[in-house]
Amino acid sequence: MEHREPAPFVRDTTFREDASKIHTGHGPDNMATLRNLAINTLRQHGHRNIAAGLRHVSYDPFNRPLDLLGIA
């Protein structure tokens, strides 16, 4: 069984969630949902290191994220 960091830890360390300026209304919950989507999609596609996965996807930002989601 592989070791996975809990999503709140990954969101804080990789996305710097605690430093977010979004504090009102549904904004924090919505952003946590989007961050969880990114984390889970990267894990689903075999990225064990989320930060490295984000860097890989960022090299081609108009195609790779859509490919991961099956939209392109």
Foldseek 3Di string as FASTA:
>chain_A
DDDADDLVVCCCPQVVLVPDPDDDDCVSVVVSVVSVVLVVLLVVVPDRRSNVSVVVCVVPVVPSVCVSVVND
